[in-house]
Amino acid sequence: MKDYSLLALNFGGLYDLKWWQHLAKLPEEPPP
């Protein structure tokens, strides 16, 4: 999840929230 968190931070705060929301539902397959 460390890599995903870094990507989310790069995209921005708004995308970060959506990113983690998807991780909560699909921890094995994050959104593109």
PDB file of N, CA and C in Angstrom:
ATOM      1  N   MET A   1       0.830  -1.213   0.000  1.00  0.00           N
ATOM      2  CA  MET A   1       0.000   0.000   0.000  1.00  0.00           C
ATOM      3  C   MET A   1       0.865   1.265   0.000  1.00  0.00           C
ATOM      4  N   LYS A   2       2.133   1.096   0.331  1.00  0.00           N
ATOM      5  CA  LYS A   2       3.032   2.249   0.383  1.00  0.00           C
ATOM      6  C   LYS A   2       3.128   2.906  -0.993  1.00  0.00           C
ATOM      7  N   ASP A   3       3.262   2.086  -2.033  1.00  0.00           N
ATOM      8  CA  ASP A   3       3.362   2.619  -3.385  1.00  0.00           C
ATOM      9  C   ASP A   3       2.084   3.357  -3.770  1.00  0.00           C
ATOM     10  N   TYR A   4       0.941   2.772  -3.391  1.00  0.00           N
ATOM     11  CA  TYR A   4      -0.339   3.387  -3.729  1.00  0.00           C
ATOM     12  C   TYR A   4      -0.490   4.736  -3.043  1.00  0.00           C
ATOM     13  N   SER A   5      -0.038   4.820  -1.794  1.00  0.00           N
ATOM     14  CA  SER A   5      -0.142   6.066  -1.036  1.00  0.00           C
ATOM     15  C   SER A   5       0.692   7.151  -1.706  1.00  0.00           C
ATOM     16  N   LEU A   6       1.879   6.779  -2.190  1.00  0.00           N
ATOM     17  CA  LEU A   6       2.746   7.745  -2.867  1.00  0.00           C
ATOM     18  C   LEU A   6       2.089   8.236  -4.146  1.00  0.00           C
ATOM     19  N   LEU A   7       1.488   7.316  -4.899  1.00  0.00           N
ATOM     20  CA  LEU A   7       0.807   7.701  -6.131  1.00  0.00           C
ATOM     21  C   LEU A   7      -0.345   8.645  -5.830  1.00  0.00           C
ATOM     22  N   ALA A   8      -1.106   8.330  -4.800  1.00  0.00           N
ATOM     23  CA  ALA A   8      -2.253   9.153  -4.421  1.00  0.00           C
ATOM     24  C   ALA A   8      -1.795  10.565  -4.065  1.00  0.00           C
ATOM     25  N   LEU A   9      -0.697  10.663  -3.326  1.00  0.00           N
ATOM     26  CA  LEU A   9      -0.172  11.966  -2.933  1.00  0.00           C
ATOM     27  C   LEU A   9       0.252  12.754  -4.169  1.00  0.00           C
ATOM     28  N   ASN A  10       0.792  12.064  -5.158  1.00  0.00           N
ATOM     29  CA  ASN A  10       1.221  12.729  -6.384  1.00  0.00           C
ATOM     30  C   ASN A  10       0.019  13.271  -7.158  1.00  0.00           C
ATOM     31  N   PHE A  11      -1.073  12.507  -7.186  1.00  0.00           N
ATOM     32  CA  PHE A  11      -2.263  12.935  -7.921  1.00  0.00           C
ATOM     33  C   PHE A  11      -2.956  14.100  -7.222  1.00  0.00           C
ATOM     34  N   GLY A  12      -2.965  14.079  -5.904  1.00  0.00           N
ATOM     35  CA  GLY A  12      -3.582  15.178  -5.166  1.00  0.00           C
ATOM     36  C   GLY A  12      -4.499  14.681  -4.059  1.00  0.00           C
ATOM     37  N   GLY A  13      -4.887  15.583  -3.167  1.00  0.00           N
ATOM     38  CA  GLY A  13      -5.711  15.236  -2.010  1.00  0.00           C
ATOM     39  C   GLY A  13      -7.066  14.660  -2.405  1.00  0.00           C
ATOM     40  N   LEU A  14      -7.741  15.290  -3.380  1.00  0.00           N
ATOM     41  CA  LEU A  14      -9.067  14.825  -3.787  1.00  0.00           C
ATOM     42  C   LEU A  14      -8.995  13.410  -4.334  1.00  0.00           C
ATOM     43  N   TYR A  15      -8.017  13.160  -5.198  1.00  0.00           N
ATOM     44  CA  TYR A  15      -7.855  11.819  -5.762  1.00  0.00           C
ATOM     45  C   TYR A  15      -7.423  10.845  -4.681  1.00  0.00           C
ATOM     46  N   ASP A  16      -6.655  11.349  -3.717  1.00  0.00           N
ATOM     47  CA  ASP A  16      -6.177  10.520  -2.605  1.00  0.00           C
ATOM     48  C   ASP A  16      -7.362   9.920  -1.856  1.00  0.00           C
ATOM     49  N   LEU A  17      -8.381  10.730  -1.590  1.00  0.00           N
ATOM     50  CA  LEU A  17      -9.563  10.238  -0.872  1.00  0.00           C
ATOM     51  C   LEU A  17     -10.252   9.132  -1.662  1.00  0.00           C
ATOM     52  N   LYS A  18     -10.449   9.366  -2.966  1.00  0.00           N
ATOM     53  CA  LYS A  18     -11.108   8.370  -3.813  1.00  0.00           C
ATOM     54  C   LYS A  18     -10.263   7.101  -3.877  1.00  0.00           C
ATOM     55  N   TRP A  19      -8.953   7.286  -3.952  1.00  0.00           N
ATOM     56  CA  TRP A  19      -8.024   6.153  -4.049  1.00  0.00           C
ATOM     57  C   TRP A  19      -8.168   5.225  -2.849  1.00  0.00           C
ATOM     58  N   TRP A  20      -8.127   5.823  -1.656  1.00  0.00           N
ATOM     59  CA  TRP A  20      -8.211   5.005  -0.438  1.00  0.00           C
ATOM     60  C   TRP A  20      -9.598   4.402  -0.270  1.00  0.00           C
ATOM     61  N   GLN A  21     -10.627   5.089  -0.763  1.00  0.00           N
ATOM     62  CA  GLN A  21     -11.983   4.534  -0.701  1.00  0.00           C
ATOM     63  C   GLN A  21     -12.057   3.246  -1.518  1.00  0.00           C
ATOM     64  N   HIS A  22     -11.388   3.235  -2.677  1.00  0.00           N
ATOM     65  CA  HIS A  22     -11.355   2.039  -3.515  1.00  0.00           C
ATOM     66  C   HIS A  22     -10.519   0.948  -2.856  1.00  0.00           C
ATOM     67  N   LEU A  23      -9.413   1.349  -2.215  1.00  0.00           N
ATOM     68  CA  LEU A  23      -8.552   0.378  -1.534  1.00  0.00           C
ATOM     69  C   LEU A  23      -9.326  -0.327  -0.427  1.00  0.00           C
ATOM     70  N   ALA A  24     -10.213   0.411   0.228  1.00  0.00           N
ATOM     71  CA  ALA A  24     -11.009  -0.165   1.311  1.00  0.00           C
ATOM     72  C   ALA A  24     -11.923  -1.273   0.766  1.00  0.00           C
ATOM     73  N   LYS A  25     -12.379  -1.099  -0.478  1.00  0.00           N
ATOM     74  CA  LYS A  25     -13.272  -2.087  -1.083  1.00  0.00           C
ATOM     75  C   LYS A  25     -12.478  -3.151  -1.844  1.00  0.00           C
ATOM     76  N   LEU A  26     -11.402  -2.709  -2.531  1.00  0.00           N
ATOM     77  CA  LEU A  26     -10.600  -3.639  -3.330  1.00  0.00           C
ATOM     78  C   LEU A  26      -9.121  -3.490  -2.997  1.00  0.00           C
ATOM     79  N   PRO A  27      -8.706  -3.960  -1.824  1.00  0.00           N
ATOM     80  CA  PRO A  27      -7.326  -3.817  -1.369  1.00  0.00           C
ATOM     81  C   PRO A  27      -6.346  -4.562  -2.267  1.00  0.00           C
ATOM     82  N   GLU A  28      -6.825  -5.604  -2.973  1.00  0.00           N
ATOM     83  CA  GLU A  28      -5.940  -6.396  -3.824  1.00  0.00           C
ATOM     84  C   GLU A  28      -5.817  -5.783  -5.214  1.00  0.00           C
ATOM     85  N   GLU A  29      -6.829  -4.991  -5.614  1.00  0.00           N
ATOM     86  CA  GLU A  29      -6.792  -4.381  -6.942  1.00  0.00           C
ATOM     87  C   GLU A  29      -7.202  -2.914  -6.863  1.00  0.00           C
ATOM     88  N   PRO A  30      -6.213  -2.013  -6.714  1.00  0.00           N
ATOM     89  CA  PRO A  30      -6.479  -0.570  -6.638  1.00  0.00           C
ATOM     90  C   PRO A  30      -6.970  -0.028  -7.974  1.00  0.00           C
ATOM     91  N   PRO A  31      -7.663   1.096  -7.968  1.00  0.00           N
ATOM     92  CA  PRO A  31      -8.182   1.708  -9.198  1.00  0.00           C
ATOM     93  C   PRO A  31      -7.049   2.157 -10.106  1.00  0.00           C
ATOM     94  N   PRO A  32      -7.259   2.177 -11.402  1.00  0.00           N
ATOM     95  CA  PRO A  32      -6.236   2.564 -12.381  1.00  0.00           C
ATOM     96  C   PRO A  32      -5.865   4.027 -12.264  1.00  0.00           C
TER      97      PRO A  32
END
